[in-house]
């Protein structure tokens, strides 16, 4: 079954010192809703199938795939090291 995705955009107050996203010093309570609508409209302009044919999107996709490959390689090496260290500990305990 094909997964379906949707997008949302929110501007939230900073409760955790900016760890949830970039700071927006220029967003105020008075213009927050206007910013939200403006950005949603901009997202709608680019959130369409033909965007995937642009060089900019293809570069982003390439970076995402490379990061995924590196993460998988790191996780594979980390797993191998855990197994190796566990084997070494078992050998030391048997002596």
N, C-alpha and C. Protein backbone atom coordinates (compact mmCIF):
# COMPACT_ATOMS: atom_id res chain seq x y z
N UNK A 1 0.84 -1.19 0.00
CA UNK A 1 0.00 0.00 0.00
C UNK A 1 0.88 1.25 0.00
N UNK A 2 0.61 2.17 -0.88
CA UNK A 2 1.39 3.39 -0.99
C UNK A 2 1.09 4.32 0.19
N UNK A 3 2.15 4.85 0.78
CA UNK A 3 1.98 5.82 1.86
C UNK A 3 1.58 7.17 1.28
N UNK A 4 0.71 7.84 1.96
CA UNK A 4 0.33 9.19 1.58
C UNK A 4 0.88 10.15 2.62
N UNK A 5 1.41 11.26 2.17
CA UNK A 5 2.00 12.25 3.06
C UNK A 5 1.23 13.55 2.94
N UNK A 6 1.30 14.35 3.97
CA UNK A 6 0.72 15.68 3.96
C UNK A 6 1.71 16.61 4.62
N UNK A 7 1.55 17.89 4.42
CA UNK A 7 2.44 18.85 5.05
C UNK A 7 1.63 19.84 5.87
N UNK A 8 2.27 20.37 6.86
CA UNK A 8 1.70 21.44 7.67
C UNK A 8 2.82 22.42 7.97
N UNK A 9 2.45 23.62 8.26
CA UNK A 9 3.43 24.64 8.63
C UNK A 9 2.90 25.36 9.86
N UNK A 10 3.76 25.49 10.85
CA UNK A 10 3.35 26.17 12.08
C UNK A 10 4.44 27.10 12.54
N UNK A 11 4.05 28.16 13.17
CA UNK A 11 4.98 29.06 13.86
C UNK A 11 4.60 28.99 15.32
N UNK A 12 5.51 28.52 16.12
CA UNK A 12 5.23 28.31 17.54
C UNK A 12 6.06 29.26 18.40
N UNK A 13 5.59 29.49 19.60
CA UNK A 13 6.37 30.26 20.55
C UNK A 13 7.52 29.38 21.05
N UNK A 14 8.61 30.02 21.40
CA UNK A 14 9.79 29.30 21.85
C UNK A 14 9.63 28.90 23.30
N UNK A 15 9.49 27.59 23.51
CA UNK A 15 9.35 27.09 24.87
C UNK A 15 10.61 26.42 25.36
N UNK A 16 11.47 26.03 24.41
CA UNK A 16 12.65 25.26 24.79
C UNK A 16 13.93 25.92 24.32
N UNK A 17 13.94 27.23 24.22
CA UNK A 17 15.15 27.94 23.85
C UNK A 17 15.57 27.77 22.40
N UNK A 18 14.62 27.58 21.49
CA UNK A 18 14.93 27.51 20.07
C UNK A 18 15.36 26.15 19.57
N UNK A 19 15.24 25.10 20.37
CA UNK A 19 15.68 23.79 19.92
C UNK A 19 14.72 23.15 18.92
N UNK A 20 13.53 23.69 18.77
CA UNK A 20 12.54 23.10 17.88
C UNK A 20 12.63 23.67 16.46
N UNK A 21 13.40 24.70 16.25
CA UNK A 21 13.50 25.30 14.93
C UNK A 21 14.28 26.60 14.98
N UNK A 22 14.35 27.24 13.84
CA UNK A 22 15.10 28.50 13.74
C UNK A 22 14.37 29.63 14.46
N UNK A 23 15.16 30.56 15.01
CA UNK A 23 14.59 31.74 15.65
C UNK A 23 13.97 32.65 14.60
N UNK A 24 12.88 33.28 14.96
CA UNK A 24 12.19 34.23 14.08
C UNK A 24 11.92 35.50 14.87
N UNK A 25 12.96 36.29 15.10
CA UNK A 25 12.80 37.51 15.90
C UNK A 25 11.79 38.48 15.31
N UNK A 26 11.57 38.41 14.02
CA UNK A 26 10.69 39.33 13.32
C UNK A 26 9.22 38.89 13.36
N UNK A 27 8.95 37.69 13.82
CA UNK A 27 7.57 37.23 13.96
C UNK A 27 7.05 37.69 15.32
N UNK A 28 5.90 38.35 15.28
CA UNK A 28 5.28 38.83 16.51
C UNK A 28 3.88 38.26 16.61
N UNK A 29 3.27 38.45 17.74
CA UNK A 29 1.87 38.00 17.90
C UNK A 29 0.98 38.69 16.88
N UNK A 30 1.33 39.93 16.55
CA UNK A 30 0.52 40.70 15.61
C UNK A 30 0.65 40.26 14.16
N UNK A 31 1.81 39.68 13.77
CA UNK A 31 1.98 39.28 12.37
C UNK A 31 2.15 37.77 12.18
N UNK A 32 2.02 37.03 13.24
CA UNK A 32 2.22 35.57 13.18
C UNK A 32 1.30 34.89 12.17
N UNK A 33 0.03 35.20 12.19
CA UNK A 33 -0.92 34.57 11.27
C UNK A 33 -0.63 34.96 9.82
N UNK A 34 -0.24 36.21 9.60
CA UNK A 34 0.11 36.65 8.25
C UNK A 34 1.33 35.88 7.74
N UNK A 35 2.34 35.70 8.60
CA UNK A 35 3.51 34.91 8.21
C UNK A 35 3.11 33.47 7.88
N UNK A 36 2.27 32.90 8.68
CA UNK A 36 1.84 31.52 8.46
C UNK A 36 1.17 31.38 7.09
N UNK A 37 0.24 32.26 6.79
CA UNK A 37 -0.46 32.21 5.50
C UNK A 37 0.49 32.46 4.33
N UNK A 38 1.39 33.43 4.50
CA UNK A 38 2.35 33.75 3.45
C UNK A 38 3.23 32.54 3.12
N UNK A 39 3.78 31.92 4.15
CA UNK A 39 4.66 30.77 3.94
C UNK A 39 3.87 29.59 3.38
N UNK A 40 2.67 29.35 3.84
CA UNK A 40 1.85 28.27 3.28
C UNK A 40 1.62 28.48 1.79
N UNK A 41 1.37 29.72 1.38
CA UNK A 41 1.19 30.01 -0.05
C UNK A 41 2.47 29.73 -0.83
N UNK A 42 3.61 30.10 -0.27
CA UNK A 42 4.89 29.84 -0.94
C UNK A 42 5.14 28.34 -1.05
N UNK A 43 4.80 27.60 -0.01
CA UNK A 43 4.97 26.14 -0.05
C UNK A 43 4.10 25.55 -1.15
N UNK A 44 2.86 26.01 -1.25
CA UNK A 44 1.96 25.51 -2.30
C UNK A 44 2.51 25.77 -3.70
N UNK A 45 3.23 26.90 -3.86
CA UNK A 45 3.82 27.23 -5.16
C UNK A 45 4.86 26.20 -5.60
N UNK A 46 5.60 25.65 -4.66
CA UNK A 46 6.68 24.72 -5.03
C UNK A 46 6.35 23.26 -4.74
N UNK A 47 5.33 23.00 -3.97
CA UNK A 47 4.98 21.63 -3.59
C UNK A 47 4.12 21.00 -4.67
N UNK A 48 4.77 20.69 -5.79
CA UNK A 48 4.09 20.06 -6.91
C UNK A 48 5.07 19.15 -7.65
N UNK A 49 4.57 18.20 -8.39
CA UNK A 49 5.44 17.19 -9.03
C UNK A 49 6.55 17.78 -9.89
N UNK A 50 6.28 18.85 -10.62
CA UNK A 50 7.30 19.38 -11.52
C UNK A 50 8.52 19.95 -10.78
N UNK A 51 8.35 20.27 -9.50
CA UNK A 51 9.48 20.74 -8.70
C UNK A 51 10.58 19.68 -8.64
N UNK A 52 10.18 18.41 -8.67
CA UNK A 52 11.16 17.33 -8.58
C UNK A 52 12.08 17.28 -9.79
N UNK A 53 11.71 17.95 -10.87
CA UNK A 53 12.54 17.98 -12.07
C UNK A 53 13.58 19.10 -12.04
N UNK A 54 13.52 19.96 -11.04
CA UNK A 54 14.47 21.08 -10.98
C UNK A 54 15.81 20.61 -10.45
N UNK A 55 16.87 21.31 -10.87
CA UNK A 55 18.22 20.99 -10.41
C UNK A 55 18.33 21.16 -8.89
N UNK A 56 17.70 22.18 -8.36
CA UNK A 56 17.75 22.44 -6.91
C UNK A 56 17.18 21.26 -6.12
N UNK A 57 16.05 20.74 -6.56
CA UNK A 57 15.45 19.60 -5.87
C UNK A 57 16.33 18.37 -6.01
N UNK A 58 16.86 18.15 -7.22
CA UNK A 58 17.72 16.98 -7.45
C UNK A 58 18.96 17.02 -6.57
N UNK A 59 19.53 18.22 -6.36
CA UNK A 59 20.68 18.36 -5.46
C UNK A 59 20.29 18.04 -4.02
N UNK A 60 19.13 18.53 -3.59
CA UNK A 60 18.66 18.22 -2.23
C UNK A 60 18.47 16.72 -2.07
N UNK A 61 17.87 16.09 -3.07
CA UNK A 61 17.66 14.65 -3.03
C UNK A 61 18.98 13.90 -2.95
N UNK A 62 19.96 14.35 -3.72
CA UNK A 62 21.28 13.72 -3.71
C UNK A 62 21.91 13.81 -2.30
N UNK A 63 21.81 14.98 -1.68
CA UNK A 63 22.36 15.16 -0.33
C UNK A 63 21.64 14.27 0.68
N UNK A 64 20.33 14.19 0.58
CA UNK A 64 19.55 13.35 1.50
C UNK A 64 19.95 11.88 1.34
N UNK A 65 20.08 11.43 0.09
CA UNK A 65 20.47 10.04 -0.15
C UNK A 65 21.87 9.76 0.36
N UNK A 66 22.78 10.72 0.18
CA UNK A 66 24.16 10.55 0.68
C UNK A 66 24.18 10.50 2.21
N UNK A 67 23.42 11.37 2.85
CA UNK A 67 23.34 11.35 4.32
C UNK A 67 22.77 10.03 4.81
N UNK A 68 21.76 9.52 4.12
CA UNK A 68 21.17 8.23 4.50
C UNK A 68 22.19 7.11 4.35
N UNK A 69 22.95 7.12 3.24
CA UNK A 69 23.96 6.10 3.03
C UNK A 69 25.03 6.15 4.12
N UNK A 70 25.47 7.36 4.46
CA UNK A 70 26.49 7.51 5.51
C UNK A 70 25.95 7.05 6.86
N UNK A 71 24.70 7.39 7.16
CA UNK A 71 24.09 6.99 8.43
C UNK A 71 23.98 5.47 8.52
N UNK A 72 23.56 4.84 7.41
CA UNK A 72 23.45 3.38 7.39
C UNK A 72 24.82 2.72 7.55
N UNK A 73 25.84 3.29 6.91
CA UNK A 73 27.20 2.77 7.03
C UNK A 73 27.70 2.90 8.47
N UNK A 74 27.45 4.07 9.07
CA UNK A 74 27.85 4.29 10.46
C UNK A 74 27.15 3.29 11.38
N UNK A 75 25.85 3.10 11.19
CA UNK A 75 25.09 2.17 12.03
C UNK A 75 25.58 0.73 11.85
N UNK A 76 25.94 0.37 10.61
CA UNK A 76 26.47 -0.96 10.34
C UNK A 76 27.80 -1.17 11.08
N UNK A 77 28.69 -0.18 10.98
CA UNK A 77 29.99 -0.27 11.67
C UNK A 77 29.81 -0.31 13.18
N UNK A 78 28.89 0.52 13.68
CA UNK A 78 28.63 0.56 15.12
C UNK A 78 28.13 -0.81 15.60
N UNK A 79 27.25 -1.43 14.84
CA UNK A 79 26.74 -2.76 15.20
C UNK A 79 27.87 -3.79 15.19
N UNK A 80 28.73 -3.73 14.18
CA UNK A 80 29.86 -4.65 14.12
C UNK A 80 30.77 -4.49 15.32
N UNK A 81 31.03 -3.25 15.73
CA UNK A 81 31.88 -3.00 16.90
C UNK A 81 31.23 -3.51 18.18
N UNK A 82 29.92 -3.31 18.32
CA UNK A 82 29.23 -3.82 19.51
C UNK A 82 29.34 -5.33 19.59
N UNK A 83 29.16 -6.00 18.45
CA UNK A 83 29.27 -7.46 18.42
C UNK A 83 30.70 -7.88 18.76
N UNK A 84 31.67 -7.21 18.17
CA UNK A 84 33.08 -7.52 18.42
C UNK A 84 33.42 -7.35 19.90
N UNK A 85 32.99 -6.23 20.49
CA UNK A 85 33.29 -5.99 21.91
C UNK A 85 32.57 -6.98 22.81
N UNK A 86 31.36 -7.35 22.43
CA UNK A 86 30.63 -8.35 23.23
C UNK A 86 31.34 -9.68 23.17
N UNK A 87 31.84 -10.07 22.00
CA UNK A 87 32.59 -11.32 21.86
C UNK A 87 33.86 -11.28 22.69
N UNK A 88 34.56 -10.15 22.67
CA UNK A 88 35.79 -10.00 23.46
C UNK A 88 35.49 -10.11 24.96
N UNK A 89 34.41 -9.50 25.40
CA UNK A 89 34.04 -9.59 26.83
C UNK A 89 33.72 -11.03 27.22
N UNK A 90 33.02 -11.74 26.35
CA UNK A 90 32.70 -13.14 26.65
C UNK A 90 33.96 -13.98 26.74
N UNK A 91 34.90 -13.75 25.84
CA UNK A 91 36.16 -14.50 25.88
C UNK A 91 36.92 -14.23 27.16
N UNK A 92 36.95 -12.95 27.60
CA UNK A 92 37.66 -12.60 28.83
C UNK A 92 37.00 -13.22 30.05
N UNK A 93 35.68 -13.29 30.02
CA UNK A 93 34.96 -13.86 31.17
C UNK A 93 35.16 -15.38 31.26
N UNK A 94 35.40 -16.02 30.16
CA UNK A 94 35.60 -17.49 30.16
C UNK A 94 36.96 -17.89 30.67
N UNK A 95 37.91 -17.00 30.67
CA UNK A 95 39.27 -17.33 31.10
C UNK A 95 39.37 -17.54 32.56
